[in-house]
């Protein structure tokens, strides 16, 4: 007997990997195991799992890049509870079908050299501004997904705040990494 998410969503995600610059060589790993090697842009079928993917990319003239891609809980499994299918819940959990990876992953590598300090700073300032904007979108979405009812428990409120705090911490880490990368690039010929 298949689980609800297994039937509805399947056990694989089709993920399109794109990069700047294009034709970047990337290795996708999960839990230390290589599951795909590709040259961007390329779509790959990846078995669903609750575990994150690590995408490591290289291209001549660019700093090596690494990106963590989290899977998302789909909620389809809850159909099993409504239908009384507790066996289906176990199937979905075991198969990873109750999680999916995003349809698209964008990897942006950083040049190792810039023509001038102004060009370097413009590049990194834009990246930092984009990361801050994404942080705001993610934090807003997390807040909006939290129940806003008088019946909200303290635990629910804390879980919502924890989610927002995690988003903010991740953004701070990413911005710190961008500033370290800025310092590791060269300027001029």
N, C-alpha and C. Protein backbone atom coordinates (compact mmCIF):
# COMPACT_ATOMS: atom_id res chain seq x y z
N UNK A 1 0.85 -1.18 0.00
CA UNK A 1 0.00 0.00 0.00
C UNK A 1 0.89 1.24 0.00
N UNK A 2 0.72 2.11 -0.96
CA UNK A 2 1.52 3.34 -1.03
C UNK A 2 0.89 4.41 -0.15
N UNK A 3 1.73 5.32 0.31
CA UNK A 3 1.25 6.45 1.10
C UNK A 3 0.66 7.50 0.19
N UNK A 4 -0.11 8.42 0.79
CA UNK A 4 -0.78 9.47 0.02
C UNK A 4 0.22 10.35 -0.72
N UNK A 5 1.26 10.80 -0.03
CA UNK A 5 2.25 11.65 -0.68
C UNK A 5 3.00 10.89 -1.76
N UNK A 6 3.23 9.60 -1.54
CA UNK A 6 3.92 8.78 -2.54
C UNK A 6 3.10 8.75 -3.82
N UNK A 7 1.79 8.61 -3.70
CA UNK A 7 0.91 8.55 -4.86
C UNK A 7 0.77 9.93 -5.50
N UNK A 8 0.55 10.96 -4.69
CA UNK A 8 0.29 12.30 -5.20
C UNK A 8 1.55 12.96 -5.74
N UNK A 9 2.65 12.91 -4.99
CA UNK A 9 3.85 13.66 -5.34
C UNK A 9 4.97 12.82 -5.92
N UNK A 10 4.94 11.53 -5.72
CA UNK A 10 6.02 10.67 -6.18
C UNK A 10 7.19 10.69 -5.22
N UNK A 11 8.21 9.95 -5.58
CA UNK A 11 9.37 9.83 -4.69
C UNK A 11 10.58 10.58 -5.22
N UNK A 12 10.44 11.32 -6.33
CA UNK A 12 11.55 12.08 -6.89
C UNK A 12 11.15 13.52 -7.17
N UNK A 13 12.14 14.39 -7.12
CA UNK A 13 11.97 15.79 -7.51
C UNK A 13 12.84 16.04 -8.74
N UNK A 14 12.28 16.75 -9.71
CA UNK A 14 13.06 17.19 -10.87
C UNK A 14 13.59 18.57 -10.52
N UNK A 15 14.91 18.70 -10.42
CA UNK A 15 15.54 19.95 -9.99
C UNK A 15 16.40 20.49 -11.14
N UNK A 16 16.14 21.75 -11.51
CA UNK A 16 16.94 22.42 -12.53
C UNK A 16 18.04 23.22 -11.83
N UNK A 17 19.29 22.90 -12.13
CA UNK A 17 20.43 23.62 -11.57
C UNK A 17 20.91 24.62 -12.62
N UNK A 18 20.93 25.89 -12.24
CA UNK A 18 21.41 26.96 -13.11
C UNK A 18 22.51 27.71 -12.38
N UNK A 19 23.38 28.35 -13.15
CA UNK A 19 24.48 29.06 -12.49
C UNK A 19 24.88 30.31 -13.24
N UNK A 20 25.56 31.15 -12.51
CA UNK A 20 26.25 32.30 -13.07
C UNK A 20 27.69 32.16 -12.63
N UNK A 21 28.61 31.87 -13.47
CA UNK A 21 28.50 31.76 -14.93
C UNK A 21 27.89 30.41 -15.34
N UNK A 22 27.35 30.35 -16.56
CA UNK A 22 26.85 29.07 -17.06
C UNK A 22 28.02 28.11 -17.31
N UNK A 23 27.71 26.87 -17.52
CA UNK A 23 28.68 25.80 -17.79
C UNK A 23 29.62 25.59 -16.61
N UNK A 24 29.05 25.71 -15.42
CA UNK A 24 29.77 25.45 -14.18
C UNK A 24 29.61 23.98 -13.84
N UNK A 25 30.68 23.36 -13.38
CA UNK A 25 30.64 21.95 -12.98
C UNK A 25 30.24 21.87 -11.52
N UNK A 26 29.22 21.08 -11.23
CA UNK A 26 28.70 20.96 -9.87
C UNK A 26 28.56 19.49 -9.47
N UNK A 27 28.78 19.23 -8.20
CA UNK A 27 28.54 17.92 -7.62
C UNK A 27 27.47 18.09 -6.55
N UNK A 28 26.46 17.23 -6.61
CA UNK A 28 25.37 17.26 -5.63
C UNK A 28 25.57 16.07 -4.70
N UNK A 29 25.62 16.36 -3.39
CA UNK A 29 25.76 15.29 -2.41
C UNK A 29 24.64 15.38 -1.39
N UNK A 30 24.37 14.25 -0.77
CA UNK A 30 23.41 14.20 0.33
C UNK A 30 23.98 13.25 1.36
N UNK A 31 24.11 13.74 2.56
CA UNK A 31 24.64 12.93 3.66
C UNK A 31 26.01 12.34 3.30
N UNK A 32 26.84 13.16 2.61
CA UNK A 32 28.19 12.74 2.26
C UNK A 32 28.31 11.86 1.03
N UNK A 33 27.19 11.49 0.42
CA UNK A 33 27.19 10.61 -0.75
C UNK A 33 26.92 11.43 -2.01
N UNK A 34 27.79 11.30 -3.02
CA UNK A 34 27.56 11.98 -4.30
C UNK A 34 26.36 11.35 -4.98
N UNK A 35 25.40 12.19 -5.39
CA UNK A 35 24.22 11.66 -6.08
C UNK A 35 24.10 12.18 -7.50
N UNK A 36 24.87 13.22 -7.85
CA UNK A 36 24.86 13.72 -9.23
C UNK A 36 26.07 14.61 -9.46
N UNK A 37 26.60 14.53 -10.67
CA UNK A 37 27.61 15.48 -11.15
C UNK A 37 27.04 16.04 -12.43
N UNK A 38 27.10 17.36 -12.59
CA UNK A 38 26.43 17.99 -13.71
C UNK A 38 27.17 19.23 -14.16
N UNK A 39 26.83 19.70 -15.36
CA UNK A 39 27.30 20.97 -15.88
C UNK A 39 26.06 21.81 -16.11
N UNK A 40 26.03 23.00 -15.50
CA UNK A 40 24.84 23.86 -15.57
C UNK A 40 24.70 24.48 -16.96
N UNK A 41 23.48 24.78 -17.39
CA UNK A 41 22.22 24.41 -16.74
C UNK A 41 21.88 22.95 -17.04
N UNK A 42 21.38 22.27 -16.04
CA UNK A 42 21.00 20.87 -16.22
C UNK A 42 19.94 20.50 -15.19
N UNK A 43 18.94 19.74 -15.64
CA UNK A 43 17.91 19.22 -14.74
C UNK A 43 18.27 17.80 -14.35
N UNK A 44 18.04 17.48 -13.08
CA UNK A 44 18.37 16.16 -12.55
C UNK A 44 17.21 15.67 -11.70
N UNK A 45 16.88 14.38 -11.82
CA UNK A 45 15.88 13.78 -10.93
C UNK A 45 16.61 13.31 -9.67
N UNK A 46 16.09 13.74 -8.53
CA UNK A 46 16.71 13.41 -7.25
C UNK A 46 15.64 12.80 -6.35
N UNK A 47 15.97 11.67 -5.74
CA UNK A 47 15.01 11.03 -4.84
C UNK A 47 14.74 11.96 -3.66
N UNK A 48 13.48 12.06 -3.29
CA UNK A 48 13.08 12.94 -2.19
C UNK A 48 13.61 12.43 -0.86
N UNK A 49 13.89 13.35 0.02
CA UNK A 49 14.40 13.02 1.34
C UNK A 49 14.21 14.23 2.24
N UNK A 50 14.22 14.00 3.53
CA UNK A 50 14.17 15.13 4.47
C UNK A 50 15.55 15.75 4.62
N UNK A 51 16.60 15.05 4.15
CA UNK A 51 17.97 15.53 4.28
C UNK A 51 18.28 16.60 3.24
N UNK A 52 19.09 17.60 3.60
CA UNK A 52 19.45 18.64 2.64
C UNK A 52 20.46 18.14 1.62
N UNK A 53 20.51 18.82 0.49
CA UNK A 53 21.52 18.58 -0.53
C UNK A 53 22.64 19.59 -0.35
N UNK A 54 23.85 19.20 -0.67
CA UNK A 54 24.97 20.14 -0.74
C UNK A 54 25.40 20.19 -2.19
N UNK A 55 25.40 21.39 -2.76
CA UNK A 55 25.79 21.59 -4.15
C UNK A 55 27.13 22.32 -4.15
N UNK A 56 28.17 21.66 -4.65
CA UNK A 56 29.52 22.24 -4.70
C UNK A 56 29.88 22.47 -6.16
N UNK A 57 30.26 23.72 -6.50
CA UNK A 57 30.49 24.08 -7.89
C UNK A 57 31.85 24.75 -8.09
N UNK A 58 32.42 24.52 -9.28
CA UNK A 58 33.69 25.13 -9.65
C UNK A 58 33.63 25.62 -11.09
N UNK A 59 34.36 26.71 -11.34
CA UNK A 59 34.49 27.25 -12.68
C UNK A 59 35.77 28.08 -12.72
N UNK A 60 36.58 27.96 -13.78
CA UNK A 60 37.82 28.73 -13.84
C UNK A 60 37.55 30.24 -13.72
N UNK A 61 38.37 30.92 -12.92
CA UNK A 61 38.23 32.37 -12.75
C UNK A 61 37.22 32.76 -11.68
N UNK A 62 36.68 31.77 -10.97
CA UNK A 62 35.67 32.03 -9.93
C UNK A 62 36.05 31.28 -8.66
N UNK A 63 35.65 31.84 -7.52
CA UNK A 63 35.81 31.14 -6.26
C UNK A 63 34.90 29.91 -6.28
N UNK A 64 35.36 28.81 -5.70
CA UNK A 64 34.50 27.65 -5.56
C UNK A 64 33.29 28.04 -4.72
N UNK A 65 32.14 27.49 -5.05
CA UNK A 65 30.92 27.81 -4.32
C UNK A 65 30.25 26.57 -3.77
N UNK A 66 29.57 26.75 -2.67
CA UNK A 66 28.82 25.65 -2.06
C UNK A 66 27.49 26.20 -1.59
N UNK A 67 26.44 25.46 -1.84
CA UNK A 67 25.11 25.88 -1.45
C UNK A 67 24.37 24.70 -0.83
N UNK A 68 23.69 24.96 0.27
CA UNK A 68 22.86 23.95 0.92
C UNK A 68 21.43 24.13 0.41
N UNK A 69 20.82 23.05 -0.03
CA UNK A 69 19.44 23.08 -0.55
C UNK A 69 18.59 22.22 0.38
N UNK A 70 17.70 22.87 1.09
CA UNK A 70 16.82 22.17 2.03
C UNK A 70 15.62 21.59 1.29
N UNK A 71 15.14 20.46 1.77
CA UNK A 71 13.89 19.92 1.25
C UNK A 71 12.76 20.56 2.06
N UNK A 72 11.58 20.57 1.47
CA UNK A 72 10.43 21.16 2.13
C UNK A 72 9.38 20.09 2.40
N UNK A 73 8.79 20.14 3.57
CA UNK A 73 7.70 19.24 3.92
C UNK A 73 6.48 19.64 3.10
N UNK A 74 5.85 18.68 2.43
CA UNK A 74 4.74 19.01 1.53
C UNK A 74 3.39 19.03 2.21
N UNK A 75 3.24 18.34 3.32
CA UNK A 75 1.94 18.29 3.98
C UNK A 75 1.00 17.27 3.39
N UNK A 76 1.35 16.66 2.25
CA UNK A 76 0.48 15.68 1.62
C UNK A 76 0.23 14.49 2.52
N UNK A 77 1.18 14.20 3.38
CA UNK A 77 1.05 13.06 4.29
C UNK A 77 -0.19 13.18 5.17
N UNK A 78 -0.61 14.41 5.47
CA UNK A 78 -1.76 14.58 6.35
C UNK A 78 -3.02 13.95 5.77
N UNK A 79 -3.07 13.77 4.45
CA UNK A 79 -4.20 13.06 3.85
C UNK A 79 -4.31 11.64 4.38
N UNK A 80 -3.20 11.05 4.73
CA UNK A 80 -3.22 9.70 5.30
C UNK A 80 -3.95 9.67 6.63
N UNK A 81 -3.74 10.68 7.45
CA UNK A 81 -4.40 10.73 8.76
C UNK A 81 -5.90 10.84 8.57
N UNK A 82 -6.31 11.70 7.64
CA UNK A 82 -7.74 11.89 7.40
C UNK A 82 -8.40 10.62 6.90
N UNK A 83 -7.65 9.85 6.13
CA UNK A 83 -8.20 8.62 5.57
C UNK A 83 -7.92 7.42 6.46
N UNK A 84 -7.30 7.65 7.59
CA UNK A 84 -6.99 6.56 8.51
C UNK A 84 -5.84 5.70 8.06
N UNK A 85 -5.00 6.23 7.20
CA UNK A 85 -3.92 5.44 6.63
C UNK A 85 -2.60 5.58 7.34
N UNK A 86 -2.51 5.09 8.55
CA UNK A 86 -1.25 5.21 9.29
C UNK A 86 -0.12 4.41 8.65
N UNK A 87 -0.45 3.35 7.93
CA UNK A 87 0.58 2.62 7.19
C UNK A 87 1.14 3.52 6.09
N UNK A 88 0.26 4.28 5.46
CA UNK A 88 0.70 5.22 4.41
C UNK A 88 1.63 6.28 4.95
N UNK A 89 1.42 6.71 6.19
CA UNK A 89 2.32 7.70 6.79
C UNK A 89 3.72 7.11 6.89
N UNK A 90 3.81 5.87 7.32
CA UNK A 90 5.11 5.21 7.44
C UNK A 90 5.77 5.08 6.07
N UNK A 91 4.98 4.75 5.04
CA UNK A 91 5.52 4.63 3.69
C UNK A 91 6.07 5.97 3.23
N UNK A 92 5.29 7.05 3.44
CA UNK A 92 5.73 8.37 3.02
C UNK A 92 7.00 8.80 3.76
N UNK A 93 7.06 8.55 5.05
CA UNK A 93 8.24 8.93 5.83
C UNK A 93 9.46 8.15 5.35
N UNK A 94 9.29 6.87 5.10
CA UNK A 94 10.42 6.03 4.68
C UNK A 94 10.89 6.39 3.28
N UNK A 95 9.96 6.73 2.39
CA UNK A 95 10.32 7.01 1.00
C UNK A 95 10.79 8.44 0.79
N UNK A 96 10.54 9.33 1.74
CA UNK A 96 10.88 10.73 1.56
C UNK A 96 9.83 11.48 0.76
N UNK A 97 8.73 10.81 0.43
CA UNK A 97 7.71 11.42 -0.43
C UNK A 97 7.02 12.61 0.24
N UNK A 98 7.10 12.72 1.55
CA UNK A 98 6.47 13.86 2.21
C UNK A 98 7.38 15.08 2.20
N UNK A 99 8.51 14.99 1.51
CA UNK A 99 9.42 16.12 1.31
C UNK A 99 9.70 16.26 -0.17
N UNK A 100 10.00 17.49 -0.59
CA UNK A 100 10.37 17.76 -1.98
C UNK A 100 11.49 18.78 -1.99
N UNK A 101 12.31 18.70 -3.02
CA UNK A 101 13.34 19.71 -3.24
C UNK A 101 12.76 20.78 -4.17
N UNK A 102 13.30 21.99 -4.13
CA UNK A 102 12.78 23.03 -5.02
C UNK A 102 12.98 22.65 -6.49
N UNK A 103 12.14 23.21 -7.35
CA UNK A 103 12.21 22.90 -8.77
C UNK A 103 13.45 23.51 -9.42
N UNK A 104 13.98 24.56 -8.80
CA UNK A 104 15.10 25.28 -9.41
C UNK A 104 16.09 25.71 -8.33
N UNK A 105 17.37 25.53 -8.63
CA UNK A 105 18.44 25.97 -7.74
C UNK A 105 19.37 26.86 -8.56
N UNK A 106 19.58 28.08 -8.09
CA UNK A 106 20.48 29.02 -8.76
C UNK A 106 21.77 29.13 -7.96
N UNK A 107 22.89 28.91 -8.62
CA UNK A 107 24.20 29.00 -8.00
C UNK A 107 24.93 30.16 -8.64
N UNK A 108 25.36 31.12 -7.83
CA UNK A 108 26.07 32.28 -8.34
C UNK A 108 27.48 32.29 -7.77
N UNK A 109 28.44 32.00 -8.64
CA UNK A 109 29.83 32.00 -8.21
C UNK A 109 30.40 33.42 -8.24
N UNK A 110 31.45 33.61 -7.49
CA UNK A 110 32.05 34.93 -7.33
C UNK A 110 33.37 34.97 -8.09
N UNK A 111 33.54 36.00 -8.95
CA UNK A 111 34.82 36.12 -9.67
C UNK A 111 35.99 36.24 -8.69
N UNK A 112 37.13 35.69 -9.09
CA UNK A 112 38.32 35.80 -8.24
C UNK A 112 38.99 37.16 -8.39
N UNK A 113 38.69 37.88 -9.49
CA UNK A 113 39.36 39.15 -9.77
C UNK A 113 38.35 40.17 -10.29
N UNK A 114 38.54 41.42 -9.87
CA UNK A 114 37.71 42.53 -10.33
C UNK A 114 38.62 43.60 -10.92
N UNK A 115 38.06 44.40 -11.86
CA UNK A 115 38.85 45.45 -12.51
C UNK A 115 39.24 46.58 -11.56
N UNK A 116 38.37 46.86 -10.59
CA UNK A 116 38.64 47.98 -9.68
C UNK A 116 37.98 47.71 -8.33
N UNK A 117 38.42 48.43 -7.29
CA UNK A 117 37.74 48.29 -6.00
C UNK A 117 36.26 48.66 -6.10
N UNK A 118 35.93 49.66 -6.93
CA UNK A 118 34.53 50.07 -7.08
C UNK A 118 33.70 48.95 -7.69
N UNK A 119 34.25 48.26 -8.70
CA UNK A 119 33.52 47.15 -9.34
C UNK A 119 33.31 46.02 -8.34
N UNK A 120 34.35 45.72 -7.56
CA UNK A 120 34.24 44.66 -6.54
C UNK A 120 33.18 45.03 -5.50
N UNK A 121 33.24 46.26 -5.01
CA UNK A 121 32.30 46.67 -3.97
C UNK A 121 30.87 46.71 -4.49
N UNK A 122 30.69 47.15 -5.74
CA UNK A 122 29.35 47.16 -6.33
C UNK A 122 28.81 45.73 -6.41
N UNK A 123 29.64 44.80 -6.85
CA UNK A 123 29.24 43.40 -6.96
C UNK A 123 28.79 42.86 -5.60
N UNK A 124 29.62 43.03 -4.57
CA UNK A 124 29.30 42.47 -3.26
C UNK A 124 28.17 43.23 -2.58
N UNK A 125 28.10 44.54 -2.75
CA UNK A 125 27.00 45.31 -2.15
C UNK A 125 25.66 44.86 -2.73
N UNK A 126 25.64 44.57 -4.04
CA UNK A 126 24.41 44.08 -4.67
C UNK A 126 24.04 42.71 -4.12
N UNK A 127 25.02 41.82 -3.98
CA UNK A 127 24.74 40.49 -3.42
C UNK A 127 24.21 40.58 -1.99
N UNK A 128 24.80 41.45 -1.19
CA UNK A 128 24.35 41.61 0.20
C UNK A 128 22.93 42.17 0.23
N UNK A 129 22.64 43.16 -0.62
CA UNK A 129 21.28 43.73 -0.68
C UNK A 129 20.27 42.66 -1.10
N UNK A 130 20.63 41.82 -2.07
CA UNK A 130 19.74 40.73 -2.50
C UNK A 130 19.51 39.76 -1.36
N UNK A 131 20.55 39.46 -0.60
CA UNK A 131 20.41 38.51 0.52
C UNK A 131 19.54 39.10 1.62
N UNK A 132 19.69 40.40 1.88
CA UNK A 132 18.85 41.05 2.89
C UNK A 132 17.39 41.07 2.45
N UNK A 133 17.14 41.30 1.16
CA UNK A 133 15.76 41.29 0.65
C UNK A 133 15.16 39.89 0.78
N UNK A 134 15.95 38.86 0.48
CA UNK A 134 15.46 37.49 0.63
C UNK A 134 15.17 37.17 2.08
N UNK A 135 16.01 37.65 2.97
CA UNK A 135 15.79 37.46 4.41
C UNK A 135 14.44 38.07 4.82
N UNK A 136 14.15 39.26 4.35
CA UNK A 136 12.88 39.91 4.68
C UNK A 136 11.70 39.10 4.15
N UNK A 137 11.79 38.63 2.90
CA UNK A 137 10.70 37.83 2.31
C UNK A 137 10.48 36.55 3.11
N UNK A 138 11.58 35.86 3.44
CA UNK A 138 11.46 34.59 4.17
C UNK A 138 10.91 34.81 5.58
N UNK A 139 11.37 35.85 6.27
CA UNK A 139 10.88 36.13 7.62
C UNK A 139 9.40 36.50 7.59
N UNK A 140 9.01 37.29 6.60
CA UNK A 140 7.59 37.67 6.46
C UNK A 140 6.74 36.44 6.19
N UNK A 141 7.19 35.56 5.29
CA UNK A 141 6.45 34.34 4.99
C UNK A 141 6.34 33.45 6.22
N UNK A 142 7.41 33.36 7.00
CA UNK A 142 7.37 32.54 8.22
C UNK A 142 6.37 33.11 9.22
N UNK A 143 6.38 34.42 9.38
CA UNK A 143 5.42 35.05 10.31
C UNK A 143 3.98 34.84 9.84
N UNK A 144 3.76 34.97 8.53
CA UNK A 144 2.40 34.83 7.99
C UNK A 144 1.90 33.39 8.07
N UNK A 145 2.80 32.43 8.09
CA UNK A 145 2.37 31.03 8.17
C UNK A 145 2.03 30.62 9.59
N UNK A 146 2.37 31.46 10.56
CA UNK A 146 2.07 31.15 11.95
C UNK A 146 0.62 31.48 12.25
N UNK A 147 -0.04 30.65 13.04
CA UNK A 147 -1.44 30.93 13.39
C UNK A 147 -1.53 32.22 14.20
N UNK A 148 -2.45 33.06 13.83
CA UNK A 148 -2.67 34.32 14.53
C UNK A 148 -4.02 34.28 15.24
N UNK A 149 -4.18 33.29 16.09
CA UNK A 149 -5.46 33.12 16.78
C UNK A 149 -5.27 33.27 18.28
N UNK A 150 -6.35 33.58 18.98
CA UNK A 150 -6.25 33.66 20.44
C UNK A 150 -5.90 32.31 21.07
N UNK A 151 -6.14 31.23 20.33
CA UNK A 151 -5.87 29.89 20.85
C UNK A 151 -4.42 29.45 20.64
N UNK A 152 -3.61 30.33 20.07
CA UNK A 152 -2.22 29.97 19.81
C UNK A 152 -1.49 29.71 21.12
N UNK A 153 -0.86 28.56 21.20
CA UNK A 153 -0.16 28.20 22.42
C UNK A 153 1.19 28.91 22.50
N UNK A 154 1.75 28.92 23.69
CA UNK A 154 3.07 29.50 23.88
C UNK A 154 4.09 28.73 23.05
N UNK A 155 3.93 27.41 22.98
CA UNK A 155 4.85 26.58 22.19
C UNK A 155 4.77 26.94 20.70
N UNK A 156 3.55 27.17 20.20
CA UNK A 156 3.40 27.56 18.80
C UNK A 156 4.05 28.91 18.54
N UNK A 157 3.82 29.85 19.44
CA UNK A 157 4.41 31.19 19.29
C UNK A 157 5.93 31.09 19.31
N UNK A 158 6.47 30.26 20.21
CA UNK A 158 7.92 30.10 20.30
C UNK A 158 8.47 29.44 19.04
N UNK A 159 7.75 28.45 18.51
CA UNK A 159 8.19 27.78 17.28
C UNK A 159 8.24 28.76 16.12
N UNK A 160 7.25 29.64 16.05
CA UNK A 160 7.24 30.67 15.00
C UNK A 160 8.43 31.61 15.15
N UNK A 161 8.67 32.06 16.37
CA UNK A 161 9.80 32.96 16.62
C UNK A 161 11.12 32.25 16.33
N UNK A 162 11.22 30.98 16.68
CA UNK A 162 12.43 30.21 16.40
C UNK A 162 12.69 30.13 14.90
N UNK A 163 11.62 29.96 14.11
CA UNK A 163 11.77 29.89 12.65
C UNK A 163 12.30 31.21 12.10
N UNK A 164 11.75 32.32 12.59
CA UNK A 164 12.21 33.65 12.15
C UNK A 164 13.66 33.87 12.58
N UNK A 165 13.98 33.49 13.82
CA UNK A 165 15.36 33.63 14.31
C UNK A 165 16.34 32.83 13.46
N UNK A 166 15.94 31.62 13.06
CA UNK A 166 16.81 30.78 12.22
C UNK A 166 17.05 31.43 10.86
N UNK A 167 16.00 32.02 10.29
CA UNK A 167 16.13 32.74 9.02
C UNK A 167 17.11 33.89 9.17
N UNK A 168 16.98 34.65 10.25
CA UNK A 168 17.87 35.79 10.48
C UNK A 168 19.31 35.35 10.70
N UNK A 169 19.52 34.27 11.47
CA UNK A 169 20.88 33.77 11.70
C UNK A 169 21.52 33.32 10.39
N UNK A 170 20.76 32.61 9.56
CA UNK A 170 21.29 32.13 8.29
C UNK A 170 21.68 33.31 7.40
N UNK A 171 20.85 34.34 7.37
CA UNK A 171 21.18 35.53 6.56
C UNK A 171 22.45 36.20 7.08
N UNK A 172 22.58 36.32 8.39
CA UNK A 172 23.80 36.91 8.97
C UNK A 172 25.03 36.10 8.59
N UNK A 173 24.92 34.77 8.63
CA UNK A 173 26.04 33.91 8.24
C UNK A 173 26.39 34.11 6.76
N UNK A 174 25.37 34.20 5.92
CA UNK A 174 25.60 34.39 4.49
C UNK A 174 26.28 35.73 4.21
N UNK A 175 25.85 36.78 4.91
CA UNK A 175 26.44 38.11 4.71
C UNK A 175 27.88 38.13 5.22
N UNK A 176 28.14 37.47 6.34
CA UNK A 176 29.51 37.36 6.84
C UNK A 176 30.39 36.64 5.83
N UNK A 177 29.86 35.56 5.24
CA UNK A 177 30.60 34.81 4.22
C UNK A 177 30.87 35.68 3.00
N UNK A 178 29.88 36.46 2.55
CA UNK A 178 30.08 37.35 1.41
C UNK A 178 31.18 38.37 1.69
N UNK A 179 31.19 38.92 2.89
CA UNK A 179 32.24 39.89 3.23
C UNK A 179 33.62 39.24 3.28
N UNK A 180 33.69 37.99 3.74
CA UNK A 180 34.97 37.26 3.73
C UNK A 180 35.41 36.99 2.29
N UNK A 181 34.46 36.66 1.43
CA UNK A 181 34.79 36.43 0.02
C UNK A 181 35.26 37.72 -0.65
N UNK A 182 34.65 38.84 -0.29
CA UNK A 182 35.07 40.14 -0.82
C UNK A 182 36.56 40.33 -0.51
N UNK A 183 36.94 40.02 0.72
CA UNK A 183 38.33 40.21 1.14
C UNK A 183 39.28 39.24 0.43
N UNK A 184 38.77 38.10 -0.06
CA UNK A 184 39.66 37.11 -0.68
C UNK A 184 39.83 37.30 -2.18
N UNK A 185 39.12 38.25 -2.78
CA UNK A 185 39.26 38.50 -4.21
C UNK A 185 40.38 39.52 -4.45
N UNK A 186 40.84 39.57 -5.70
CA UNK A 186 41.88 40.54 -6.06
C UNK A 186 41.31 41.61 -6.97
N UNK A 187 42.03 42.73 -7.05
CA UNK A 187 41.61 43.86 -7.87
C UNK A 187 42.75 44.21 -8.82
N UNK A 188 42.39 44.54 -10.06
CA UNK A 188 43.39 44.96 -11.05
C UNK A 188 43.90 43.80 -11.87
N UNK A 189 44.89 44.09 -12.68
CA UNK A 189 45.42 43.07 -13.59
C UNK A 189 46.50 42.33 -12.96
